[in-house]
Amino acid sequence: MIGVVFLSQTIFGIWGNCSLHYRYIFFYFTGCRARSTGLILKHLTVANSLVIAFRGVPQTVEAFGLKIFLSDFGCKLVFYVLRLGRGVSLGTTCLLSVFQAITISPWNSRLAELKVQVLRCTGPCITVFWILYMLVNIIFPLYVAGKWNNKTITKKKDLGFCSGMWNDTITQSLLAAVLTAPDVVCLGLMIWASIYMVFTLYGHKQRVQHIHRNGISRRSSSVTRATQSILVLVSTFVSFYTLSSIFSIDLALSDHPSWWQLNITAMFALCFPSVSPFLLSHESKGLRIFSASCRRNA
């Protein structure tokens, strides 16, 4: 049963993210102009694809009873890329929510001053997220090894197709603090941006209730739909991330984690990368995740 769940998550995740990748490539070669959130969504899709490939595929194989013989280097590489993809997915979702909060802010608010700057900062911010999580997670492979490692290790923990290792509780606590610090900041920003967007949308709805002109109505409804889609995406991410973190903490505190602990933790970790492509495609129907206006080449 668990194997079928992992297989379904992996298949739908690969299908959804590959469809989005195809859409990006199609828009690029046809000269389409993506809206401002397009760059963020591209990197979010890449990050989710890394999680699916380096968590979903091996976890599915393991769940069906097939043995995965990974060397020390293989285990370190898999967990490093997995942590990188997970971190960038968190960072880009945070950036997306903050970006949309600034975009819909009233012109008389303090955030309105950032509307011009935020367009120029999107690319550099995404680059910072990639570099930040590359550096933060570089210590993670030091505590992962293959199951058939013959080195003497004080404590060894089963992680499914690999093993975790550490020497003492203090080291484990410091490692957890370093790895989770950027995540806590991003989650805080996402929650703030989501609350701000909810109140802004409510105020916007109250102001335009008496306006019935078609042009303004269409523009208002399109902005509202885009913001609502991002709110659904962010809410889904926070929900799955919270559940995944709870089970991850429980797994970290267990000296001898059970088979169910390992698989339930992995299942929640794969939920958002598998579901998010369909949430993004729902925004503009038919996998058109950003409004593109194609310019005919002269």
C-alpha atoms as a PDB file:
ATOM      1  CA  MET A   1       0.000   0.000   0.000  1.00  0.00           C
ATOM      2  CA  ILE A   2       2.810   2.411   0.906  1.00  0.00           C
ATOM      3  CA  GLY A   3       4.571   1.476  -2.328  1.00  0.00           C
ATOM      4  CA  VAL A   4       1.465   2.384  -4.340  1.00  0.00           C
ATOM      5  CA  VAL A   5       1.240   5.750  -2.541  1.00  0.00           C
ATOM      6  CA  PHE A   6       4.894   6.558  -3.300  1.00  0.00           C
ATOM      7  CA  LEU A   7       4.486   5.389  -6.903  1.00  0.00           C
ATOM      8  CA  SER A   8       1.426   7.610  -7.355  1.00  0.00           C
ATOM      9  CA  GLN A   9       3.200  10.624  -5.853  1.00  0.00           C
ATOM     10  CA  THR A  10       6.249  10.056  -8.044  1.00  0.00           C
ATOM     11  CA  ILE A  11       4.297   9.529 -11.278  1.00  0.00           C
ATOM     12  CA  PHE A  12       2.014  12.529 -10.756  1.00  0.00           C
ATOM     13  CA  GLY A  13       4.964  14.639  -9.599  1.00  0.00           C
ATOM     14  CA  ILE A  14       7.065  13.769 -12.647  1.00  0.00           C
ATOM     15  CA  TRP A  15       4.109  14.248 -14.991  1.00  0.00           C
ATOM     16  CA  GLY A  16       3.087  17.598 -13.522  1.00  0.00           C
ATOM     17  CA  ASN A  17       6.581  19.089 -13.284  1.00  0.00           C
ATOM     18  CA  CYS A  18       7.601  17.823 -16.750  1.00  0.00           C
ATOM     19  CA  SER A  19       4.459  19.420 -18.178  1.00  0.00           C
ATOM     20  CA  LEU A  20       5.450  22.723 -16.609  1.00  0.00           C
ATOM     21  CA  HIS A  21       9.022  22.381 -17.904  1.00  0.00           C
ATOM     22  CA  TYR A  22       7.622  21.783 -21.392  1.00  0.00           C
ATOM     23  CA  ARG A  23       5.467  24.893 -21.067  1.00  0.00           C
ATOM     24  CA  TYR A  24       8.494  27.010 -20.101  1.00  0.00           C
ATOM     25  CA  ILE A  25      10.514  25.679 -23.041  1.00  0.00           C
ATOM     26  CA  PHE A  26       7.605  26.244 -25.433  1.00  0.00           C
ATOM     27  CA  PHE A  27       7.161  29.833 -24.281  1.00  0.00           C
ATOM     28  CA  TYR A  28      10.901  30.471 -24.547  1.00  0.00           C
ATOM     29  CA  PHE A  29      11.243  29.266 -28.149  1.00  0.00           C
ATOM     30  CA  THR A  30       8.019  30.923 -29.321  1.00  0.00           C
ATOM     31  CA  GLY A  31       9.052  34.310 -27.946  1.00  0.00           C
ATOM     32  CA  CYS A  32       6.332  34.525 -25.307  1.00  0.00           C
ATOM     33  CA  ARG A  33       6.631  37.143 -22.604  1.00  0.00           C
ATOM     34  CA  ALA A  34       5.967  35.668 -19.175  1.00  0.00           C
ATOM     35  CA  ARG A  35       4.549  37.766 -16.401  1.00  0.00           C
ATOM     36  CA  SER A  36       6.738  38.780 -13.496  1.00  0.00           C
ATOM     37  CA  THR A  37       6.164  35.638 -11.391  1.00  0.00           C
ATOM     38  CA  GLY A  38       7.288  33.358 -14.232  1.00  0.00           C
ATOM     39  CA  LEU A  39      10.947  33.262 -13.159  1.00  0.00           C
ATOM     40  CA  ILE A  40      10.018  32.339  -9.590  1.00  0.00           C
ATOM     41  CA  LEU A  41       7.726  29.545 -10.776  1.00  0.00           C
ATOM     42  CA  LYS A  42      10.443  28.139 -13.045  1.00  0.00           C
ATOM     43  CA  HIS A  43      12.865  27.730 -10.157  1.00  0.00           C
ATOM     44  CA  LEU A  44      10.111  26.372  -7.917  1.00  0.00           C
ATOM     45  CA  THR A  45       9.431  23.688 -10.528  1.00  0.00           C
ATOM     46  CA  VAL A  46      13.138  22.821 -10.793  1.00  0.00           C
ATOM     47  CA  ALA A  47      13.415  22.510  -7.010  1.00  0.00           C
ATOM     48  CA  ASN A  48      10.316  20.297  -6.810  1.00  0.00           C
ATOM     49  CA  SER A  49      11.693  18.110  -9.593  1.00  0.00           C
ATOM     50  CA  LEU A  50      14.877  17.545  -7.582  1.00  0.00           C
ATOM     51  CA  VAL A  51      12.843  16.426  -4.567  1.00  0.00           C
ATOM     52  CA  ILE A  52      10.768  14.036  -6.693  1.00  0.00           C
ATOM     53  CA  ALA A  53      13.842  12.563  -8.394  1.00  0.00           C
ATOM     54  CA  PHE A  54      16.041  12.173  -5.313  1.00  0.00           C
ATOM     55  CA  ARG A  55      13.329  11.239  -2.798  1.00  0.00           C
ATOM     56  CA  GLY A  56      10.357   9.870  -4.678  1.00  0.00           C
ATOM     57  CA  VAL A  57      12.167   7.457  -6.996  1.00  0.00           C
ATOM     58  CA  PRO A  58      14.440   5.737  -4.413  1.00  0.00           C
ATOM     59  CA  GLN A  59      11.664   5.712  -1.810  1.00  0.00           C
ATOM     60  CA  THR A  60       9.306   4.002  -4.269  1.00  0.00           C
ATOM     61  CA  VAL A  61      11.895   1.368  -5.128  1.00  0.00           C
ATOM     62  CA  GLU A  62      12.596   0.769  -1.436  1.00  0.00           C
ATOM     63  CA  ALA A  63       8.887   0.523  -0.556  1.00  0.00           C
ATOM     64  CA  PHE A  64       8.365  -2.272  -3.080  1.00  0.00           C
ATOM     65  CA  GLY A  65      11.060  -4.332  -1.380  1.00  0.00           C
ATOM     66  CA  LEU A  66      13.854  -3.799  -3.898  1.00  0.00           C
ATOM     67  CA  LYS A  67      17.261  -3.177  -2.350  1.00  0.00           C
ATOM     68  CA  ILE A  68      19.165  -0.009  -3.232  1.00  0.00           C
ATOM     69  CA  PHE A  69      22.909  -0.417  -2.867  1.00  0.00           C
ATOM     70  CA  LEU A  70      24.214   3.128  -2.538  1.00  0.00           C
ATOM     71  CA  SER A  71      27.812   3.854  -1.649  1.00  0.00           C
ATOM     72  CA  ASP A  72      28.816   6.513   0.866  1.00  0.00           C
ATOM     73  CA  PHE A  73      29.214   9.025  -1.949  1.00  0.00           C
ATOM     74  CA  GLY A  74      25.854   8.064  -3.448  1.00  0.00           C
ATOM     75  CA  CYS A  75      24.042   8.539  -0.119  1.00  0.00           C
ATOM     76  CA  LYS A  76      25.743  11.864   0.528  1.00  0.00           C
ATOM     77  CA  LEU A  77      24.884  13.108  -2.978  1.00  0.00           C
ATOM     78  CA  VAL A  78      21.241  11.998  -2.789  1.00  0.00           C
ATOM     79  CA  PHE A  79      20.598  13.614   0.596  1.00  0.00           C
ATOM     80  CA  TYR A  80      22.507  16.784  -0.297  1.00  0.00           C
ATOM     81  CA  VAL A  81      20.535  17.363  -3.520  1.00  0.00           C
ATOM     82  CA  LEU A  82      17.328  16.441  -1.708  1.00  0.00           C
ATOM     83  CA  ARG A  83      17.979  19.015   1.019  1.00  0.00           C
ATOM     84  CA  LEU A  84      18.950  21.593  -1.614  1.00  0.00           C
ATOM     85  CA  GLY A  85      15.746  21.055  -3.594  1.00  0.00           C
ATOM     86  CA  ARG A  86      13.631  21.174  -0.449  1.00  0.00           C
ATOM     87  CA  GLY A  87      15.292  24.415   0.690  1.00  0.00           C
ATOM     88  CA  VAL A  88      14.983  26.183  -2.672  1.00  0.00           C
ATOM     89  CA  SER A  89      11.351  25.084  -2.906  1.00  0.00           C
ATOM     90  CA  LEU A  90      10.745  26.730   0.470  1.00  0.00           C
ATOM     91  CA  GLY A  91      12.674  29.855  -0.496  1.00  0.00           C
ATOM     92  CA  THR A  92      10.970  30.375  -3.866  1.00  0.00           C
ATOM     93  CA  THR A  93       7.500  29.798  -2.374  1.00  0.00           C
ATOM     94  CA  CYS A  94       8.347  32.406   0.259  1.00  0.00           C
ATOM     95  CA  LEU A  95       9.572  34.814  -2.440  1.00  0.00           C
ATOM     96  CA  LEU A  96       6.406  34.212  -4.471  1.00  0.00           C
ATOM     97  CA  SER A  97       4.134  35.069  -1.543  1.00  0.00           C
ATOM     98  CA  VAL A  98       6.105  38.197  -0.600  1.00  0.00           C
ATOM     99  CA  PHE A  99       6.255  39.297  -4.256  1.00  0.00           C
ATOM    100  CA  GLN A 100       2.477  38.990  -4.643  1.00  0.00           C
ATOM    101  CA  ALA A 101       1.870  40.777  -1.338  1.00  0.00           C
ATOM    102  CA  ILE A 102       3.936  43.739  -2.575  1.00  0.00           C
ATOM    103  CA  THR A 103       2.262  43.633  -6.007  1.00  0.00           C
ATOM    104  CA  ILE A 104      -1.297  43.945  -4.665  1.00  0.00           C
ATOM    105  CA  SER A 105      -0.455  46.476  -1.951  1.00  0.00           C
ATOM    106  CA  PRO A 106      -2.319  49.817  -2.246  1.00  0.00           C
ATOM    107  CA  TRP A 107      -0.354  52.716  -3.701  1.00  0.00           C
ATOM    108  CA  ASN A 108      -0.657  54.661  -0.460  1.00  0.00           C
ATOM    109  CA  SER A 109       0.990  51.912   1.618  1.00  0.00           C
ATOM    110  CA  ARG A 110       4.647  51.591   2.576  1.00  0.00           C
ATOM    111  CA  LEU A 111       5.033  48.434   0.499  1.00  0.00           C
ATOM    112  CA  ALA A 112       4.051  50.367  -2.639  1.00  0.00           C
ATOM    113  CA  GLU A 113       7.529  51.946  -2.646  1.00  0.00           C
ATOM    114  CA  LEU A 114       8.985  48.473  -3.269  1.00  0.00           C
ATOM    115  CA  LYS A 115       6.878  47.673  -6.352  1.00  0.00           C
ATOM    116  CA  VAL A 116       9.521  48.850  -8.803  1.00  0.00           C
ATOM    117  CA  GLN A 117      12.516  47.473  -6.893  1.00  0.00           C
ATOM    118  CA  VAL A 118      10.971  44.018  -6.422  1.00  0.00           C
ATOM    119  CA  LEU A 119      10.989  43.375 -10.177  1.00  0.00           C
ATOM    120  CA  ARG A 120      14.742  43.975 -10.297  1.00  0.00           C
ATOM    121  CA  CYS A 121      15.433  41.943  -7.151  1.00  0.00           C
ATOM    122  CA  THR A 122      13.625  38.736  -8.132  1.00  0.00           C
ATOM    123  CA  GLY A 123      16.543  37.199 -10.042  1.00  0.00           C
ATOM    124  CA  PRO A 124      19.212  38.058  -7.430  1.00  0.00           C
ATOM    125  CA  CYS A 125      16.957  36.778  -4.613  1.00  0.00           C
ATOM    126  CA  ILE A 126      16.540  33.413  -6.321  1.00  0.00           C
ATOM    127  CA  THR A 127      20.309  33.185  -6.813  1.00  0.00           C
ATOM    128  CA  VAL A 128      20.806  33.950  -3.110  1.00  0.00           C
ATOM    129  CA  PHE A 129      18.435  31.104  -2.182  1.00  0.00           C
ATOM    130  CA  TRP A 130      20.372  28.605  -4.301  1.00  0.00           C
ATOM    131  CA  ILE A 131      23.735  29.705  -2.862  1.00  0.00           C
ATOM    132  CA  LEU A 132      22.405  29.904   0.715  1.00  0.00           C
ATOM    133  CA  TYR A 133      21.004  26.364   0.713  1.00  0.00           C
ATOM    134  CA  MET A 134      24.077  25.025  -1.074  1.00  0.00           C
ATOM    135  CA  LEU A 135      26.240  26.377   1.752  1.00  0.00           C
ATOM    136  CA  VAL A 136      23.899  25.545   4.650  1.00  0.00           C
ATOM    137  CA  ASN A 137      23.389  21.941   3.562  1.00  0.00           C
ATOM    138  CA  ILE A 138      27.045  21.267   2.805  1.00  0.00           C
ATOM    139  CA  ILE A 139      27.439  19.943   6.365  1.00  0.00           C
ATOM    140  CA  PHE A 140      24.515  17.528   6.011  1.00  0.00           C
ATOM    141  CA  PRO A 141      26.416  14.877   3.978  1.00  0.00           C
ATOM    142  CA  LEU A 142      28.961  14.609   6.813  1.00  0.00           C
ATOM    143  CA  TYR A 143      26.290  12.843   8.864  1.00  0.00           C
ATOM    144  CA  VAL A 144      25.005  10.475   6.168  1.00  0.00           C
ATOM    145  CA  ALA A 145      26.593   7.201   5.103  1.00  0.00           C
ATOM    146  CA  GLY A 146      25.784   4.070   3.143  1.00  0.00           C
ATOM    147  CA  LYS A 147      24.243   1.155   5.009  1.00  0.00           C
ATOM    148  CA  TRP A 148      27.249  -0.984   4.253  1.00  0.00           C
ATOM    149  CA  ASN A 149      29.753   1.468   5.706  1.00  0.00           C
ATOM    150  CA  ASN A 150      32.260  -0.420   7.865  1.00  0.00           C
ATOM    151  CA  LYS A 151      33.534   2.613   9.758  1.00  0.00           C
ATOM    152  CA  THR A 152      33.170   2.699  13.529  1.00  0.00           C
ATOM    153  CA  ILE A 153      30.277   4.999  14.384  1.00  0.00           C
ATOM    154  CA  THR A 154      29.073   5.847  17.894  1.00  0.00           C
ATOM    155  CA  LYS A 155      25.427   6.113  16.867  1.00  0.00           C
ATOM    156  CA  LYS A 156      23.867   4.934  13.639  1.00  0.00           C
ATOM    157  CA  LYS A 157      20.277   5.468  12.519  1.00  0.00           C
ATOM    158  CA  ASP A 158      18.366   3.742   9.739  1.00  0.00           C
ATOM    159  CA  LEU A 159      17.159   6.252   7.101  1.00  0.00           C
ATOM    160  CA  GLY A 160      15.772   3.706   4.666  1.00  0.00           C
ATOM    161  CA  PHE A 161      18.243   3.243   1.833  1.00  0.00           C
ATOM    162  CA  CYS A 162      20.990   5.094   3.777  1.00  0.00           C
ATOM    163  CA  SER A 163      22.092   5.583   7.385  1.00  0.00           C
ATOM    164  CA  GLY A 164      22.439   8.661   9.557  1.00  0.00           C
ATOM    165  CA  MET A 165      25.309   9.003  12.006  1.00  0.00           C
ATOM    166  CA  TRP A 166      26.340  11.372  14.774  1.00  0.00           C
ATOM    167  CA  ASN A 167      28.595  11.350  17.790  1.00  0.00           C
ATOM    168  CA  ASP A 168      26.615  13.148  20.491  1.00  0.00           C
ATOM    169  CA  THR A 169      23.362  14.955  21.216  1.00  0.00           C
ATOM    170  CA  ILE A 170      24.975  18.418  21.239  1.00  0.00           C
ATOM    171  CA  THR A 171      26.281  17.951  17.703  1.00  0.00           C
ATOM    172  CA  GLN A 172      22.869  16.779  16.558  1.00  0.00           C
ATOM    173  CA  SER A 173      21.151  19.799  18.149  1.00  0.00           C
ATOM    174  CA  LEU A 174      23.600  22.277  16.576  1.00  0.00           C
ATOM    175  CA  LEU A 175      23.152  20.634  13.188  1.00  0.00           C
ATOM    176  CA  ALA A 176      19.363  20.871  13.488  1.00  0.00           C
ATOM    177  CA  ALA A 177      19.574  24.547  14.496  1.00  0.00           C
ATOM    178  CA  VAL A 178      21.788  25.475  11.531  1.00  0.00           C
ATOM    179  CA  LEU A 179      19.636  23.581   9.033  1.00  0.00           C
ATOM    180  CA  THR A 180      16.291  24.922  10.266  1.00  0.00           C
ATOM    181  CA  ALA A 181      17.190  28.595  10.850  1.00  0.00           C
ATOM    182  CA  PRO A 182      16.605  29.723   7.210  1.00  0.00           C
ATOM    183  CA  ASP A 183      13.428  27.625   7.075  1.00  0.00           C
ATOM    184  CA  VAL A 184      11.942  29.350  10.122  1.00  0.00           C
ATOM    185  CA  VAL A 185      12.628  32.801   8.621  1.00  0.00           C
ATOM    186  CA  CYS A 186      11.011  31.844   5.292  1.00  0.00           C
ATOM    187  CA  LEU A 187       7.969  30.346   7.003  1.00  0.00           C
ATOM    188  CA  GLY A 188       7.533  33.499   9.082  1.00  0.00           C
ATOM    189  CA  LEU A 189       7.659  35.664   5.945  1.00  0.00           C
ATOM    190  CA  MET A 190       5.147  33.417   4.164  1.00  0.00           C
ATOM    191  CA  ILE A 191       2.678  33.583   7.021  1.00  0.00           C
ATOM    192  CA  TRP A 192       3.033  37.378   7.230  1.00  0.00           C
ATOM    193  CA  ALA A 193       2.579  37.771   3.449  1.00  0.00           C
ATOM    194  CA  SER A 194      -0.468  35.482   3.434  1.00  0.00           C
ATOM    195  CA  ILE A 195      -2.183  37.405   6.253  1.00  0.00           C
ATOM    196  CA  TYR A 196      -1.377  40.700   4.528  1.00  0.00           C
ATOM    197  CA  MET A 197      -2.826  39.474   1.217  1.00  0.00           C
ATOM    198  CA  VAL A 198      -6.038  38.284   2.884  1.00  0.00           C
ATOM    199  CA  PHE A 199      -6.642  41.682   4.504  1.00  0.00           C
ATOM    200  CA  THR A 200      -5.641  43.542   1.321  1.00  0.00           C
ATOM    201  CA  LEU A 201      -8.018  41.492  -0.810  1.00  0.00           C
ATOM    202  CA  TYR A 202     -10.834  42.072   1.650  1.00  0.00           C
ATOM    203  CA  GLY A 203     -10.231  45.829   1.594  1.00  0.00           C
ATOM    204  CA  HIS A 204      -9.971  45.809  -2.206  1.00  0.00           C
ATOM    205  CA  LYS A 205     -13.260  43.951  -2.503  1.00  0.00           C
ATOM    206  CA  GLN A 206     -14.991  46.492  -0.265  1.00  0.00           C
ATOM    207  CA  ARG A 207     -13.670  49.428  -2.346  1.00  0.00           C
ATOM    208  CA  VAL A 208     -14.693  48.096  -5.757  1.00  0.00           C
ATOM    209  CA  GLN A 209     -18.086  46.646  -4.860  1.00  0.00           C
ATOM    210  CA  HIS A 210     -19.845  49.659  -6.349  1.00  0.00           C
ATOM    211  CA  ILE A 211     -17.797  49.594  -9.565  1.00  0.00           C
ATOM    212  CA  HIS A 212     -19.397  47.616 -12.414  1.00  0.00           C
ATOM    213  CA  ARG A 213     -17.460  48.777 -15.432  1.00  0.00           C
ATOM    214  CA  ASN A 214     -16.179  45.803 -17.425  1.00  0.00           C
ATOM    215  CA  GLY A 215     -12.577  46.880 -17.841  1.00  0.00           C
ATOM    216  CA  ILE A 216     -11.959  47.505 -14.178  1.00  0.00           C
ATOM    217  CA  SER A 217     -13.949  44.445 -13.172  1.00  0.00           C
ATOM    218  CA  ARG A 218     -11.901  42.148 -15.398  1.00  0.00           C
ATOM    219  CA  ARG A 219      -8.630  43.552 -14.133  1.00  0.00           C
ATOM    220  CA  SER A 220      -9.736  43.355 -10.518  1.00  0.00           C
ATOM    221  CA  SER A 221     -10.984  39.801 -10.888  1.00  0.00           C
ATOM    222  CA  SER A 222      -7.774  38.669 -12.606  1.00  0.00           C
ATOM    223  CA  VAL A 223      -5.604  40.125  -9.844  1.00  0.00           C
ATOM    224  CA  THR A 224      -7.868  38.556  -7.243  1.00  0.00           C
ATOM    225  CA  ARG A 225      -7.725  35.131  -8.920  1.00  0.00           C
ATOM    226  CA  ALA A 226      -3.938  35.247  -9.174  1.00  0.00           C
ATOM    227  CA  THR A 227      -3.610  36.221  -5.513  1.00  0.00           C
ATOM    228  CA  GLN A 228      -6.075  33.552  -4.406  1.00  0.00           C
ATOM    229  CA  SER A 229      -4.132  30.904  -6.355  1.00  0.00           C
ATOM    230  CA  ILE A 230      -0.895  31.921  -4.663  1.00  0.00           C
ATOM    231  CA  LEU A 231      -2.631  31.888  -1.271  1.00  0.00           C
ATOM    232  CA  VAL A 232      -3.806  28.314  -1.946  1.00  0.00           C
ATOM    233  CA  LEU A 233      -0.288  27.335  -3.012  1.00  0.00           C
ATOM    234  CA  VAL A 234       1.326  28.897   0.064  1.00  0.00           C
ATOM    235  CA  SER A 235      -1.289  27.445   2.427  1.00  0.00           C
ATOM    236  CA  THR A 236      -0.754  23.991   0.937  1.00  0.00           C
ATOM    237  CA  PHE A 237       3.003  24.332   1.312  1.00  0.00           C
ATOM    238  CA  VAL A 238       2.821  25.478   4.929  1.00  0.00           C
ATOM    239  CA  SER A 239       0.408  22.651   5.814  1.00  0.00           C
ATOM    240  CA  PHE A 240       2.497  19.895   4.241  1.00  0.00           C
ATOM    241  CA  TYR A 241       5.760  21.433   5.503  1.00  0.00           C
ATOM    242  CA  THR A 242       4.411  21.578   9.056  1.00  0.00           C
ATOM    243  CA  LEU A 243       3.294  17.936   8.956  1.00  0.00           C
ATOM    244  CA  SER A 244       6.597  16.891   7.397  1.00  0.00           C
ATOM    245  CA  SER A 245       8.551  18.799  10.063  1.00  0.00           C
ATOM    246  CA  ILE A 246       6.567  17.188  12.904  1.00  0.00           C
ATOM    247  CA  PHE A 247       7.304  13.693  11.615  1.00  0.00           C
ATOM    248  CA  SER A 248      10.930  14.640  10.857  1.00  0.00           C
ATOM    249  CA  ILE A 249      11.431  15.798  14.455  1.00  0.00           C
ATOM    250  CA  ASP A 250       9.851  12.586  15.708  1.00  0.00           C
ATOM    251  CA  LEU A 251      12.195  10.651  13.423  1.00  0.00           C
ATOM    252  CA  ALA A 252      15.226  12.603  14.652  1.00  0.00           C
ATOM    253  CA  LEU A 253      14.364  11.929  18.295  1.00  0.00           C
ATOM    254  CA  SER A 254      13.999   8.183  17.720  1.00  0.00           C
ATOM    255  CA  ASP A 255      17.181   6.157  18.113  1.00  0.00           C
ATOM    256  CA  HIS A 256      15.618   3.256  16.236  1.00  0.00           C
ATOM    257  CA  PRO A 257      12.900   4.632  13.916  1.00  0.00           C
ATOM    258  CA  SER A 258      10.253   2.202  12.761  1.00  0.00           C
ATOM    259  CA  TRP A 259       9.394   1.345   9.172  1.00  0.00           C
ATOM    260  CA  TRP A 260       6.207   3.419   9.462  1.00  0.00           C
ATOM    261  CA  GLN A 261       8.046   6.481  10.780  1.00  0.00           C
ATOM    262  CA  LEU A 262      10.435   6.441   7.831  1.00  0.00           C
ATOM    263  CA  ASN A 263       7.715   6.038   5.219  1.00  0.00           C
ATOM    264  CA  ILE A 264       5.173   8.488   6.669  1.00  0.00           C
ATOM    265  CA  THR A 265       7.903  11.154   6.936  1.00  0.00           C
ATOM    266  CA  ALA A 266       8.899  10.569   3.302  1.00  0.00           C
ATOM    267  CA  MET A 267       5.259  10.576   2.171  1.00  0.00           C
ATOM    268  CA  PHE A 268       4.558  14.044   3.615  1.00  0.00           C
ATOM    269  CA  ALA A 269       7.872  15.338   2.228  1.00  0.00           C
ATOM    270  CA  LEU A 270       6.692  14.366  -1.280  1.00  0.00           C
ATOM    271  CA  CYS A 271       3.179  15.803  -0.990  1.00  0.00           C
ATOM    272  CA  PHE A 272       3.892  19.409  -2.000  1.00  0.00           C
ATOM    273  CA  PRO A 273       6.271  18.655  -4.944  1.00  0.00           C
ATOM    274  CA  SER A 274       3.634  16.254  -6.303  1.00  0.00           C
ATOM    275  CA  VAL A 275       0.613  18.523  -5.818  1.00  0.00           C
ATOM    276  CA  SER A 276       2.037  21.988  -6.586  1.00  0.00           C
ATOM    277  CA  PRO A 277       2.185  21.627 -10.412  1.00  0.00           C
ATOM    278  CA  PHE A 278      -1.568  21.070 -10.502  1.00  0.00           C
ATOM    279  CA  LEU A 279      -2.221  23.989  -8.164  1.00  0.00           C
ATOM    280  CA  LEU A 280      -0.145  26.205 -10.452  1.00  0.00           C
ATOM    281  CA  SER A 281      -1.862  24.938 -13.603  1.00  0.00           C
ATOM    282  CA  HIS A 282      -5.300  25.551 -12.071  1.00  0.00           C
ATOM    283  CA  GLU A 283      -4.555  29.267 -11.937  1.00  0.00           C
ATOM    284  CA  SER A 284      -4.674  29.727 -15.685  1.00  0.00           C
ATOM    285  CA  LYS A 285      -6.249  26.521 -16.980  1.00  0.00           C
ATOM    286  CA  GLY A 286      -4.548  23.957 -19.110  1.00  0.00           C
ATOM    287  CA  LEU A 287      -1.134  24.284 -17.472  1.00  0.00           C
ATOM    288  CA  ARG A 288      -0.782  27.932 -18.515  1.00  0.00           C
ATOM    289  CA  ILE A 289       0.774  28.890 -15.225  1.00  0.00           C
ATOM    290  CA  PHE A 290       1.591  32.394 -16.154  1.00  0.00           C
ATOM    291  CA  SER A 291      -0.194  34.769 -18.467  1.00  0.00           C
ATOM    292  CA  ALA A 292       1.976  34.945 -21.563  1.00  0.00           C
ATOM    293  CA  SER A 293       1.545  37.358 -24.423  1.00  0.00           C
ATOM    294  CA  CYS A 294       3.344  36.091 -27.510  1.00  0.00           C
ATOM    295  CA  ARG A 295       5.062  38.585 -29.701  1.00  0.00           C
ATOM    296  CA  ARG A 296       5.389  37.720 -33.363  1.00  0.00           C
ATOM    297  CA  ASN A 297       8.973  38.109 -34.546  1.00  0.00           C
ATOM    298  CA  ALA A 298       9.431  40.580 -37.293  1.00  0.00           C
END
